[in-house]
């Protein structure tokens, strides 16, 4: 009998699946979606979650779609980390200089 899933549980699974996908891609640089699915044993995951994990990882800036069904890792040193809503975590106006600030 399947256990019911709460939104918190589903988000925890998705976060874990994103980490698994990112770790699997690092040594290879790029993999085709089918090969990536076999590598991470996505057939053991909940139905349809490889696609969800790839979409979430891409939205979070952790992987990039290369084309023709290929995905690759994103170098974390070259990108800004995004917050949970996909923003950069900075507030509007922070770090910008206004003409009235000049001394």
C-alpha atoms as a PDB file:
ATOM      1  CA  UNK A   1       0.000   0.000   0.000  1.00  0.00           C
ATOM      2  CA  UNK A   2       1.594   3.326  -1.060  1.00  0.00           C
ATOM      3  CA  UNK A   3       2.259   5.958   1.532  1.00  0.00           C
ATOM      4  CA  UNK A   4       0.555   9.284   0.865  1.00  0.00           C
ATOM      5  CA  UNK A   5       2.879  12.126   0.018  1.00  0.00           C
ATOM      6  CA  UNK A   6       2.769  15.565   1.575  1.00  0.00           C
ATOM      7  CA  UNK A   7       4.030  18.654  -0.253  1.00  0.00           C
ATOM      8  CA  UNK A   8       7.021  18.722   2.115  1.00  0.00           C
ATOM      9  CA  UNK A   9       7.878  15.111   1.353  1.00  0.00           C
ATOM     10  CA  UNK A  10       7.549  15.666  -2.391  1.00  0.00           C
ATOM     11  CA  UNK A  11       9.848  18.714  -2.195  1.00  0.00           C
ATOM     12  CA  UNK A  12      12.395  16.740  -0.165  1.00  0.00           C
ATOM     13  CA  UNK A  13      12.378  13.967  -2.775  1.00  0.00           C
ATOM     14  CA  UNK A  14      12.754  16.504  -5.581  1.00  0.00           C
ATOM     15  CA  UNK A  15      15.685  18.218  -3.826  1.00  0.00           C
ATOM     16  CA  UNK A  16      17.400  14.847  -3.371  1.00  0.00           C
ATOM     17  CA  UNK A  17      16.774  13.876  -7.002  1.00  0.00           C
ATOM     18  CA  UNK A  18      18.224  17.195  -8.215  1.00  0.00           C
ATOM     19  CA  UNK A  19      21.380  16.550  -6.151  1.00  0.00           C
ATOM     20  CA  UNK A  20      21.651  13.017  -7.575  1.00  0.00           C
ATOM     21  CA  UNK A  21      21.346  14.301 -11.157  1.00  0.00           C
ATOM     22  CA  UNK A  22      23.950  17.039 -10.606  1.00  0.00           C
ATOM     23  CA  UNK A  23      26.418  14.615  -9.015  1.00  0.00           C
ATOM     24  CA  UNK A  24      25.941  12.103 -11.830  1.00  0.00           C
ATOM     25  CA  UNK A  25      26.642  14.694 -14.526  1.00  0.00           C
ATOM     26  CA  UNK A  26      29.840  16.134 -13.023  1.00  0.00           C
ATOM     27  CA  UNK A  27      32.295  13.406 -14.074  1.00  0.00           C
ATOM     28  CA  UNK A  28      30.849  13.092 -17.588  1.00  0.00           C
ATOM     29  CA  UNK A  29      30.319  16.720 -18.532  1.00  0.00           C
ATOM     30  CA  UNK A  30      27.252  15.914 -20.617  1.00  0.00           C
ATOM     31  CA  UNK A  31      24.929  12.964 -20.959  1.00  0.00           C
ATOM     32  CA  UNK A  32      21.901  12.121 -23.005  1.00  0.00           C
ATOM     33  CA  UNK A  33      18.714  11.998 -20.943  1.00  0.00           C
ATOM     34  CA  UNK A  34      18.277   8.216 -21.384  1.00  0.00           C
ATOM     35  CA  UNK A  35      21.858   7.484 -20.318  1.00  0.00           C
ATOM     36  CA  UNK A  36      21.497   9.817 -17.345  1.00  0.00           C
ATOM     37  CA  UNK A  37      18.293   8.047 -16.323  1.00  0.00           C
ATOM     38  CA  UNK A  38      20.055   4.675 -16.404  1.00  0.00           C
ATOM     39  CA  UNK A  39      23.032   6.048 -14.468  1.00  0.00           C
ATOM     40  CA  UNK A  40      20.871   7.406 -11.624  1.00  0.00           C
ATOM     41  CA  UNK A  41      18.494   4.404 -11.690  1.00  0.00           C
ATOM     42  CA  UNK A  42      15.530   6.659 -12.436  1.00  0.00           C
ATOM     43  CA  UNK A  43      13.420   3.563 -13.100  1.00  0.00           C
ATOM     44  CA  UNK A  44      13.348   3.152  -9.302  1.00  0.00           C
ATOM     45  CA  UNK A  45      12.123   6.715  -8.760  1.00  0.00           C
ATOM     46  CA  UNK A  46       8.503   7.800  -8.699  1.00  0.00           C
ATOM     47  CA  UNK A  47       6.981   7.931 -12.178  1.00  0.00           C
ATOM     48  CA  UNK A  48       7.912  11.037 -14.169  1.00  0.00           C
ATOM     49  CA  UNK A  49      10.346  12.467 -11.653  1.00  0.00           C
ATOM     50  CA  UNK A  50      13.469  12.392 -13.834  1.00  0.00           C
ATOM     51  CA  UNK A  51      11.843  15.038 -16.018  1.00  0.00           C
ATOM     52  CA  UNK A  52      10.784  17.033 -12.958  1.00  0.00           C
ATOM     53  CA  UNK A  53      14.272  16.769 -11.445  1.00  0.00           C
ATOM     54  CA  UNK A  54      15.908  17.914 -14.702  1.00  0.00           C
ATOM     55  CA  UNK A  55      13.487  20.844 -15.041  1.00  0.00           C
ATOM     56  CA  UNK A  56      14.058  21.875 -11.405  1.00  0.00           C
ATOM     57  CA  UNK A  57      17.842  21.535 -11.740  1.00  0.00           C
ATOM     58  CA  UNK A  58      17.792  23.638 -14.904  1.00  0.00           C
ATOM     59  CA  UNK A  59      15.556  26.275 -13.284  1.00  0.00           C
ATOM     60  CA  UNK A  60      17.875  26.423 -10.257  1.00  0.00           C
ATOM     61  CA  UNK A  61      20.899  26.869 -12.511  1.00  0.00           C
ATOM     62  CA  UNK A  62      22.473  23.533 -11.562  1.00  0.00           C
ATOM     63  CA  UNK A  63      22.345  21.904 -15.036  1.00  0.00           C
ATOM     64  CA  UNK A  64      21.947  23.183 -18.576  1.00  0.00           C
ATOM     65  CA  UNK A  65      20.118  21.670 -21.499  1.00  0.00           C
ATOM     66  CA  UNK A  66      22.626  21.357 -24.304  1.00  0.00           C
ATOM     67  CA  UNK A  67      20.217  20.246 -27.005  1.00  0.00           C
ATOM     68  CA  UNK A  68      19.141  17.026 -28.709  1.00  0.00           C
ATOM     69  CA  UNK A  69      18.268  15.526 -25.317  1.00  0.00           C
ATOM     70  CA  UNK A  70      21.658  16.211 -23.703  1.00  0.00           C
ATOM     71  CA  UNK A  71      22.216  17.788 -20.289  1.00  0.00           C
ATOM     72  CA  UNK A  72      25.411  19.026 -18.664  1.00  0.00           C
ATOM     73  CA  UNK A  73      26.484  20.422 -15.307  1.00  0.00           C
ATOM     74  CA  UNK A  74      26.833  24.133 -14.669  1.00  0.00           C
ATOM     75  CA  UNK A  75      30.081  25.286 -13.113  1.00  0.00           C
ATOM     76  CA  UNK A  76      28.979  26.785  -9.761  1.00  0.00           C
ATOM     77  CA  UNK A  77      31.906  29.232  -9.830  1.00  0.00           C
ATOM     78  CA  UNK A  78      30.520  30.861 -12.984  1.00  0.00           C
ATOM     79  CA  UNK A  79      26.931  31.329 -11.844  1.00  0.00           C
ATOM     80  CA  UNK A  80      25.198  33.126  -9.012  1.00  0.00           C
ATOM     81  CA  UNK A  81      23.324  30.892  -6.621  1.00  0.00           C
ATOM     82  CA  UNK A  82      19.559  31.229  -6.836  1.00  0.00           C
ATOM     83  CA  UNK A  83      17.166  31.299  -3.921  1.00  0.00           C
ATOM     84  CA  UNK A  84      14.250  28.903  -3.501  1.00  0.00           C
ATOM     85  CA  UNK A  85      12.046  31.037  -5.765  1.00  0.00           C
ATOM     86  CA  UNK A  86      14.698  31.200  -8.471  1.00  0.00           C
ATOM     87  CA  UNK A  87      15.870  34.721  -7.587  1.00  0.00           C
ATOM     88  CA  UNK A  88      19.455  35.617  -6.763  1.00  0.00           C
ATOM     89  CA  UNK A  89      18.656  36.259  -3.115  1.00  0.00           C
ATOM     90  CA  UNK A  90      19.446  39.951  -3.330  1.00  0.00           C
ATOM     91  CA  UNK A  91      16.916  42.601  -2.519  1.00  0.00           C
ATOM     92  CA  UNK A  92      16.018  45.227  -5.082  1.00  0.00           C
ATOM     93  CA  UNK A  93      18.246  48.251  -4.820  1.00  0.00           C
ATOM     94  CA  UNK A  94      20.914  46.506  -2.770  1.00  0.00           C
ATOM     95  CA  UNK A  95      24.377  47.093  -4.127  1.00  0.00           C
ATOM     96  CA  UNK A  96      23.326  49.851  -6.518  1.00  0.00           C
ATOM     97  CA  UNK A  97      24.517  53.399  -6.212  1.00  0.00           C
ATOM     98  CA  UNK A  98      22.167  56.284  -6.636  1.00  0.00           C
ATOM     99  CA  UNK A  99      23.187  59.769  -7.682  1.00  0.00           C
ATOM    100  CA  UNK A 100      22.234  61.003  -4.203  1.00  0.00           C
ATOM    101  CA  UNK A 101      24.763  58.539  -2.678  1.00  0.00           C
ATOM    102  CA  UNK A 102      27.737  60.120  -4.437  1.00  0.00           C
ATOM    103  CA  UNK A 103      29.890  62.199  -2.171  1.00  0.00           C
END
